[in-house]
Amino acid sequence: MKSIASLYKFIFSDLLVFLLFFISTFYSGVTLSSESVKLDDSRSVIIMLPSGWQLIRMMSPPELPAKNINLVKDDYKILVTLIGSKGGVPLNMSDEKLVALINKTSMQYVPNSVQGKISINKIQNIFTRGGYASFTDKVWIDKQPPPGEYKHVTSGVLAIGDSIIASVTYLSNELEGEVFEEGLAIIKNLKLQE
């Protein structure tokens, strides 16, 4: 009985967070648009974009259940690769496997970062689970990088439903502020179209 109560608490707390996100964007004057990225005949991922964000579809082989997209606003850029299992077969991605993938994809940023280590911020809600880690490039401390270069990279891996993995690289010159938080909210609210 305790596990059912904790499940309800988990579902309703994440539902509340999701609803508060939409209510806060509504009252702050930020409008949201919904974009759908089709992986195959049976699966699509819904992406909620605040005002000013654009979705750019990249070329992907049509026979593969994988899509590359870019999400951009000003000098913020999020690169997302959506990978679906063949035929929608569940991927059985445990939390431990997701953490291992985050560590693997983030390791490349550690040597040149101010942080010098991977600190994972977990994401778990009714749509996605996984996490991300942020890094600051030592080269750009107290300097403004030229266009096309970035001070910070946020690297993450998410499970969307049970048959889609999203690999995320978020490039920015800030790790806080309204636009950065909008980008994180986009990532955290990726969801499978039902």
C-alpha atoms as a PDB file:
ATOM      1  CA  MET A   1       0.000   0.000   0.000  1.00  0.00           C
ATOM      2  CA  LYS A   2       2.859   2.353   0.744  1.00  0.00           C
ATOM      3  CA  SER A   3       4.255   1.911  -2.798  1.00  0.00           C
ATOM      4  CA  ILE A   4       0.910   2.893  -4.376  1.00  0.00           C
ATOM      5  CA  ALA A   5       0.775   6.016  -2.221  1.00  0.00           C
ATOM      6  CA  SER A   6       4.337   6.939  -3.208  1.00  0.00           C
ATOM      7  CA  LEU A   7       3.503   6.329  -6.883  1.00  0.00           C
ATOM      8  CA  TYR A   8       0.527   8.701  -6.642  1.00  0.00           C
ATOM      9  CA  LYS A   9       2.713  11.254  -4.865  1.00  0.00           C
ATOM     10  CA  PHE A  10       5.328  10.951  -7.642  1.00  0.00           C
ATOM     11  CA  ILE A  11       2.781  11.263 -10.472  1.00  0.00           C
ATOM     12  CA  PHE A  12       0.893  14.171  -8.951  1.00  0.00           C
ATOM     13  CA  SER A  13       4.021  16.082  -7.874  1.00  0.00           C
ATOM     14  CA  ASP A  14       5.440  15.894 -11.414  1.00  0.00           C
ATOM     15  CA  LEU A  15       2.067  16.743 -12.900  1.00  0.00           C
ATOM     16  CA  LEU A  16       1.954  19.767 -10.614  1.00  0.00           C
ATOM     17  CA  VAL A  17       5.448  20.866 -11.758  1.00  0.00           C
ATOM     18  CA  PHE A  18       4.385  20.502 -15.390  1.00  0.00           C
ATOM     19  CA  LEU A  19       1.166  22.466 -14.840  1.00  0.00           C
ATOM     20  CA  LEU A  20       3.016  25.197 -12.949  1.00  0.00           C
ATOM     21  CA  PHE A  21       5.455  25.486 -15.880  1.00  0.00           C
ATOM     22  CA  PHE A  22       2.596  26.106 -18.309  1.00  0.00           C
ATOM     23  CA  ILE A  23       0.736  28.439 -15.948  1.00  0.00           C
ATOM     24  CA  SER A  24       3.870  30.492 -15.268  1.00  0.00           C
ATOM     25  CA  THR A  25       4.646  30.801 -18.980  1.00  0.00           C
ATOM     26  CA  PHE A  26       1.021  31.858 -19.617  1.00  0.00           C
ATOM     27  CA  TYR A  27       1.040  34.591 -16.986  1.00  0.00           C
ATOM     28  CA  SER A  28       4.539  35.810 -17.838  1.00  0.00           C
ATOM     29  CA  GLY A  29       3.373  36.575 -21.362  1.00  0.00           C
ATOM     30  CA  VAL A  30       5.421  33.781 -22.913  1.00  0.00           C
ATOM     31  CA  THR A  31       3.481  31.923 -25.557  1.00  0.00           C
ATOM     32  CA  LEU A  32       4.172  28.297 -26.325  1.00  0.00           C
ATOM     33  CA  SER A  33       4.002  26.535 -29.638  1.00  0.00           C
ATOM     34  CA  SER A  34       3.931  22.802 -30.093  1.00  0.00           C
ATOM     35  CA  GLU A  35       6.139  21.035 -32.646  1.00  0.00           C
ATOM     36  CA  SER A  36       5.982  17.345 -33.517  1.00  0.00           C
ATOM     37  CA  VAL A  37       9.020  15.367 -34.678  1.00  0.00           C
ATOM     38  CA  LYS A  38       8.044  12.069 -36.281  1.00  0.00           C
ATOM     39  CA  LEU A  39      10.435   9.162 -35.718  1.00  0.00           C
ATOM     40  CA  ASP A  40       8.464   6.501 -37.594  1.00  0.00           C
ATOM     41  CA  ASP A  41       4.875   5.569 -38.440  1.00  0.00           C
ATOM     42  CA  SER A  42       3.905   5.029 -34.804  1.00  0.00           C
ATOM     43  CA  ARG A  43       6.022   7.457 -32.761  1.00  0.00           C
ATOM     44  CA  SER A  44       6.463  11.213 -32.593  1.00  0.00           C
ATOM     45  CA  VAL A  45       8.003  13.471 -29.967  1.00  0.00           C
ATOM     46  CA  ILE A  46       6.210  16.679 -28.948  1.00  0.00           C
ATOM     47  CA  ILE A  47       8.394  19.713 -28.239  1.00  0.00           C
ATOM     48  CA  MET A  48       6.921  22.765 -26.493  1.00  0.00           C
ATOM     49  CA  LEU A  49       8.696  25.937 -27.611  1.00  0.00           C
ATOM     50  CA  PRO A  50       8.425  29.262 -25.778  1.00  0.00           C
ATOM     51  CA  SER A  51       8.126  32.396 -27.892  1.00  0.00           C
ATOM     52  CA  GLY A  52      11.260  33.173 -29.905  1.00  0.00           C
ATOM     53  CA  TRP A  53      12.598  29.603 -30.017  1.00  0.00           C
ATOM     54  CA  GLN A  54      12.855  27.933 -33.422  1.00  0.00           C
ATOM     55  CA  LEU A  55      13.028  24.257 -34.328  1.00  0.00           C
ATOM     56  CA  ILE A  56      15.326  23.444 -37.255  1.00  0.00           C
ATOM     57  CA  ARG A  57      15.019  19.951 -38.711  1.00  0.00           C
ATOM     58  CA  MET A  58      18.295  18.442 -39.864  1.00  0.00           C
ATOM     59  CA  MET A  59      18.748  15.814 -42.559  1.00  0.00           C
ATOM     60  CA  SER A  60      18.328  12.304 -41.162  1.00  0.00           C
ATOM     61  CA  PRO A  61      18.225   8.983 -43.037  1.00  0.00           C
ATOM     62  CA  PRO A  62      14.495   8.291 -43.619  1.00  0.00           C
ATOM     63  CA  GLU A  63      14.849   4.547 -43.002  1.00  0.00           C
ATOM     64  CA  LEU A  64      16.178   4.992 -39.456  1.00  0.00           C
ATOM     65  CA  PRO A  65      13.997   5.752 -36.420  1.00  0.00           C
ATOM     66  CA  ALA A  66      16.296   8.672 -35.529  1.00  0.00           C
ATOM     67  CA  LYS A  67      16.040  12.429 -36.056  1.00  0.00           C
ATOM     68  CA  ASN A  68      18.427  15.324 -35.507  1.00  0.00           C
ATOM     69  CA  ILE A  69      16.995  18.733 -34.629  1.00  0.00           C
ATOM     70  CA  ASN A  70      18.356  22.083 -33.499  1.00  0.00           C
ATOM     71  CA  LEU A  71      16.481  24.418 -31.183  1.00  0.00           C
ATOM     72  CA  VAL A  72      17.722  28.006 -31.300  1.00  0.00           C
ATOM     73  CA  LYS A  73      17.030  31.390 -29.762  1.00  0.00           C
ATOM     74  CA  ASP A  74      19.480  34.283 -30.048  1.00  0.00           C
ATOM     75  CA  ASP A  75      22.890  32.778 -29.192  1.00  0.00           C
ATOM     76  CA  TYR A  76      21.444  29.733 -27.385  1.00  0.00           C
ATOM     77  CA  LYS A  77      21.532  26.462 -29.311  1.00  0.00           C
ATOM     78  CA  ILE A  78      20.241  23.009 -28.328  1.00  0.00           C
ATOM     79  CA  LEU A  79      21.251  20.034 -30.458  1.00  0.00           C
ATOM     80  CA  VAL A  80      18.967  17.026 -29.975  1.00  0.00           C
ATOM     81  CA  THR A  81      19.266  13.543 -31.449  1.00  0.00           C
ATOM     82  CA  LEU A  82      16.125  11.459 -30.976  1.00  0.00           C
ATOM     83  CA  ILE A  83      16.746   7.719 -31.327  1.00  0.00           C
ATOM     84  CA  GLY A  84      13.914   5.214 -31.290  1.00  0.00           C
ATOM     85  CA  SER A  85      14.230   1.483 -30.938  1.00  0.00           C
ATOM     86  CA  LYS A  86      13.323  -0.573 -34.009  1.00  0.00           C
ATOM     87  CA  GLY A  87       9.634  -1.330 -34.036  1.00  0.00           C
ATOM     88  CA  GLY A  88       9.040   0.504 -30.762  1.00  0.00           C
ATOM     89  CA  VAL A  89      10.500  -2.321 -28.669  1.00  0.00           C
ATOM     90  CA  PRO A  90      11.094  -1.130 -25.059  1.00  0.00           C
ATOM     91  CA  LEU A  91      14.717  -0.166 -24.452  1.00  0.00           C
ATOM     92  CA  ASN A  92      14.735  -1.159 -20.755  1.00  0.00           C
ATOM     93  CA  MET A  93      16.781   1.893 -19.801  1.00  0.00           C
ATOM     94  CA  SER A  94      17.319   1.751 -16.061  1.00  0.00           C
ATOM     95  CA  ASP A  95      18.392   4.843 -14.148  1.00  0.00           C
ATOM     96  CA  GLU A  96      21.855   3.313 -13.851  1.00  0.00           C
ATOM     97  CA  LYS A  97      22.128   2.894 -17.646  1.00  0.00           C
ATOM     98  CA  LEU A  98      21.038   6.494 -18.183  1.00  0.00           C
ATOM     99  CA  VAL A  99      23.645   7.760 -15.701  1.00  0.00           C
ATOM    100  CA  ALA A 100      26.309   5.676 -17.474  1.00  0.00           C
ATOM    101  CA  LEU A 101      25.306   7.221 -20.826  1.00  0.00           C
ATOM    102  CA  ILE A 102      25.390  10.741 -19.364  1.00  0.00           C
ATOM    103  CA  ASN A 103      28.875  10.071 -17.970  1.00  0.00           C
ATOM    104  CA  LYS A 104      30.034   8.667 -21.304  1.00  0.00           C
ATOM    105  CA  THR A 105      28.705  11.549 -23.412  1.00  0.00           C
ATOM    106  CA  SER A 106      29.923  14.199 -20.936  1.00  0.00           C
ATOM    107  CA  MET A 107      33.452  12.857 -20.363  1.00  0.00           C
ATOM    108  CA  GLN A 108      34.792  14.743 -23.408  1.00  0.00           C
ATOM    109  CA  TYR A 109      34.091  18.108 -21.696  1.00  0.00           C
ATOM    110  CA  VAL A 110      35.767  17.388 -18.351  1.00  0.00           C
ATOM    111  CA  PRO A 111      39.469  17.999 -19.195  1.00  0.00           C
ATOM    112  CA  ASN A 112      38.951  21.566 -20.488  1.00  0.00           C
ATOM    113  CA  SER A 113      36.267  22.553 -17.998  1.00  0.00           C
ATOM    114  CA  VAL A 114      36.410  24.703 -14.901  1.00  0.00           C
ATOM    115  CA  GLN A 115      34.348  22.054 -13.090  1.00  0.00           C
ATOM    116  CA  GLY A 116      36.851  19.243 -13.739  1.00  0.00           C
ATOM    117  CA  LYS A 117      34.207  16.619 -12.970  1.00  0.00           C
ATOM    118  CA  ILE A 118      30.722  15.473 -13.957  1.00  0.00           C
ATOM    119  CA  SER A 119      27.906  16.572 -11.631  1.00  0.00           C
ATOM    120  CA  ILE A 120      24.616  15.155 -12.862  1.00  0.00           C
ATOM    121  CA  ASN A 121      21.336  17.026 -12.399  1.00  0.00           C
ATOM    122  CA  LYS A 122      18.544  14.473 -12.592  1.00  0.00           C
ATOM    123  CA  ILE A 123      15.353  14.893 -14.588  1.00  0.00           C
ATOM    124  CA  GLN A 124      12.367  12.760 -13.744  1.00  0.00           C
ATOM    125  CA  ASN A 125       8.779  13.640 -14.544  1.00  0.00           C
ATOM    126  CA  ILE A 126       5.746  12.099 -16.207  1.00  0.00           C
ATOM    127  CA  PHE A 127       7.294  12.543 -19.674  1.00  0.00           C
ATOM    128  CA  THR A 128      11.037  12.011 -19.374  1.00  0.00           C
ATOM    129  CA  ARG A 129      13.753  10.763 -17.087  1.00  0.00           C
ATOM    130  CA  GLY A 130      17.504  11.102 -17.259  1.00  0.00           C
ATOM    131  CA  GLY A 131      19.782  14.014 -16.510  1.00  0.00           C
ATOM    132  CA  TYR A 132      22.370  16.520 -17.615  1.00  0.00           C
ATOM    133  CA  ALA A 133      25.698  18.017 -16.586  1.00  0.00           C
ATOM    134  CA  SER A 134      26.975  21.530 -17.336  1.00  0.00           C
ATOM    135  CA  PHE A 135      30.546  22.587 -18.086  1.00  0.00           C
ATOM    136  CA  THR A 136      32.344  25.924 -18.421  1.00  0.00           C
ATOM    137  CA  ASP A 137      35.230  26.131 -20.890  1.00  0.00           C
ATOM    138  CA  LYS A 138      38.434  27.361 -19.169  1.00  0.00           C
ATOM    139  CA  VAL A 139      39.388  29.298 -22.310  1.00  0.00           C
ATOM    140  CA  TRP A 140      36.450  31.712 -21.978  1.00  0.00           C
ATOM    141  CA  ILE A 141      36.675  32.619 -18.296  1.00  0.00           C
ATOM    142  CA  ASP A 142      36.248  36.411 -18.059  1.00  0.00           C
ATOM    143  CA  LYS A 143      36.139  36.634 -21.882  1.00  0.00           C
ATOM    144  CA  GLN A 144      33.359  36.848 -24.432  1.00  0.00           C
ATOM    145  CA  PRO A 145      33.688  34.111 -27.070  1.00  0.00           C
ATOM    146  CA  PRO A 146      33.366  35.045 -30.744  1.00  0.00           C
ATOM    147  CA  PRO A 147      30.148  34.158 -32.619  1.00  0.00           C
ATOM    148  CA  GLY A 148      29.815  30.398 -33.054  1.00  0.00           C
ATOM    149  CA  GLU A 149      31.782  29.595 -29.884  1.00  0.00           C
ATOM    150  CA  TYR A 150      30.278  29.130 -26.431  1.00  0.00           C
ATOM    151  CA  LYS A 151      31.378  29.470 -22.799  1.00  0.00           C
ATOM    152  CA  HIS A 152      29.165  26.642 -21.576  1.00  0.00           C
ATOM    153  CA  VAL A 153      27.966  23.257 -22.719  1.00  0.00           C
ATOM    154  CA  THR A 154      25.236  21.236 -21.043  1.00  0.00           C
ATOM    155  CA  SER A 155      25.240  17.571 -22.020  1.00  0.00           C
ATOM    156  CA  GLY A 156      22.374  15.211 -21.272  1.00  0.00           C
ATOM    157  CA  VAL A 157      20.600  11.959 -22.037  1.00  0.00           C
ATOM    158  CA  LEU A 158      16.878  11.381 -21.568  1.00  0.00           C
ATOM    159  CA  ALA A 159      14.508   8.460 -21.930  1.00  0.00           C
ATOM    160  CA  ILE A 160      11.223   9.566 -23.514  1.00  0.00           C
ATOM    161  CA  GLY A 161       8.611   6.917 -22.920  1.00  0.00           C
ATOM    162  CA  ASP A 162      10.078   3.410 -23.024  1.00  0.00           C
ATOM    163  CA  SER A 163      11.387   3.286 -26.608  1.00  0.00           C
ATOM    164  CA  ILE A 164      13.077   6.657 -27.332  1.00  0.00           C
ATOM    165  CA  ILE A 165      16.374   8.108 -26.141  1.00  0.00           C
ATOM    166  CA  ALA A 166      17.307  11.774 -26.592  1.00  0.00           C
ATOM    167  CA  SER A 167      20.931  12.870 -26.602  1.00  0.00           C
ATOM    168  CA  VAL A 168      21.135  16.608 -25.863  1.00  0.00           C
ATOM    169  CA  THR A 169      23.920  19.177 -26.225  1.00  0.00           C
ATOM    170  CA  TYR A 170      22.947  22.670 -25.044  1.00  0.00           C
ATOM    171  CA  LEU A 171      25.380  25.447 -26.024  1.00  0.00           C
ATOM    172  CA  SER A 172      25.136  28.796 -24.232  1.00  0.00           C
ATOM    173  CA  ASN A 173      27.090  31.743 -22.887  1.00  0.00           C
ATOM    174  CA  GLU A 174      25.124  31.735 -19.609  1.00  0.00           C
ATOM    175  CA  LEU A 175      24.150  28.997 -17.152  1.00  0.00           C
ATOM    176  CA  GLU A 176      21.303  30.994 -15.652  1.00  0.00           C
ATOM    177  CA  GLY A 177      18.703  33.541 -16.644  1.00  0.00           C
ATOM    178  CA  GLU A 178      15.346  33.435 -18.379  1.00  0.00           C
ATOM    179  CA  VAL A 179      16.434  32.166 -21.799  1.00  0.00           C
ATOM    180  CA  PHE A 180      18.715  29.482 -20.362  1.00  0.00           C
ATOM    181  CA  GLU A 181      15.876  28.280 -18.103  1.00  0.00           C
ATOM    182  CA  GLU A 182      13.494  28.227 -21.082  1.00  0.00           C
ATOM    183  CA  GLY A 183      15.927  25.912 -22.868  1.00  0.00           C
ATOM    184  CA  LEU A 184      16.103  23.586 -19.871  1.00  0.00           C
ATOM    185  CA  ALA A 185      12.297  23.557 -19.667  1.00  0.00           C
ATOM    186  CA  ILE A 186      12.103  22.544 -23.349  1.00  0.00           C
ATOM    187  CA  ILE A 187      14.443  19.620 -22.684  1.00  0.00           C
ATOM    188  CA  LYS A 188      12.686  18.532 -19.488  1.00  0.00           C
ATOM    189  CA  ASN A 189       9.269  18.540 -21.164  1.00  0.00           C
ATOM    190  CA  LEU A 190      10.017  16.498 -24.279  1.00  0.00           C
ATOM    191  CA  LYS A 191       7.195  13.979 -24.486  1.00  0.00           C
ATOM    192  CA  LEU A 192       5.912  11.124 -26.581  1.00  0.00           C
ATOM    193  CA  GLN A 193       2.862  11.985 -28.663  1.00  0.00           C
ATOM    194  CA  GLU A 194      -0.050   9.823 -27.600  1.00  0.00           C
END
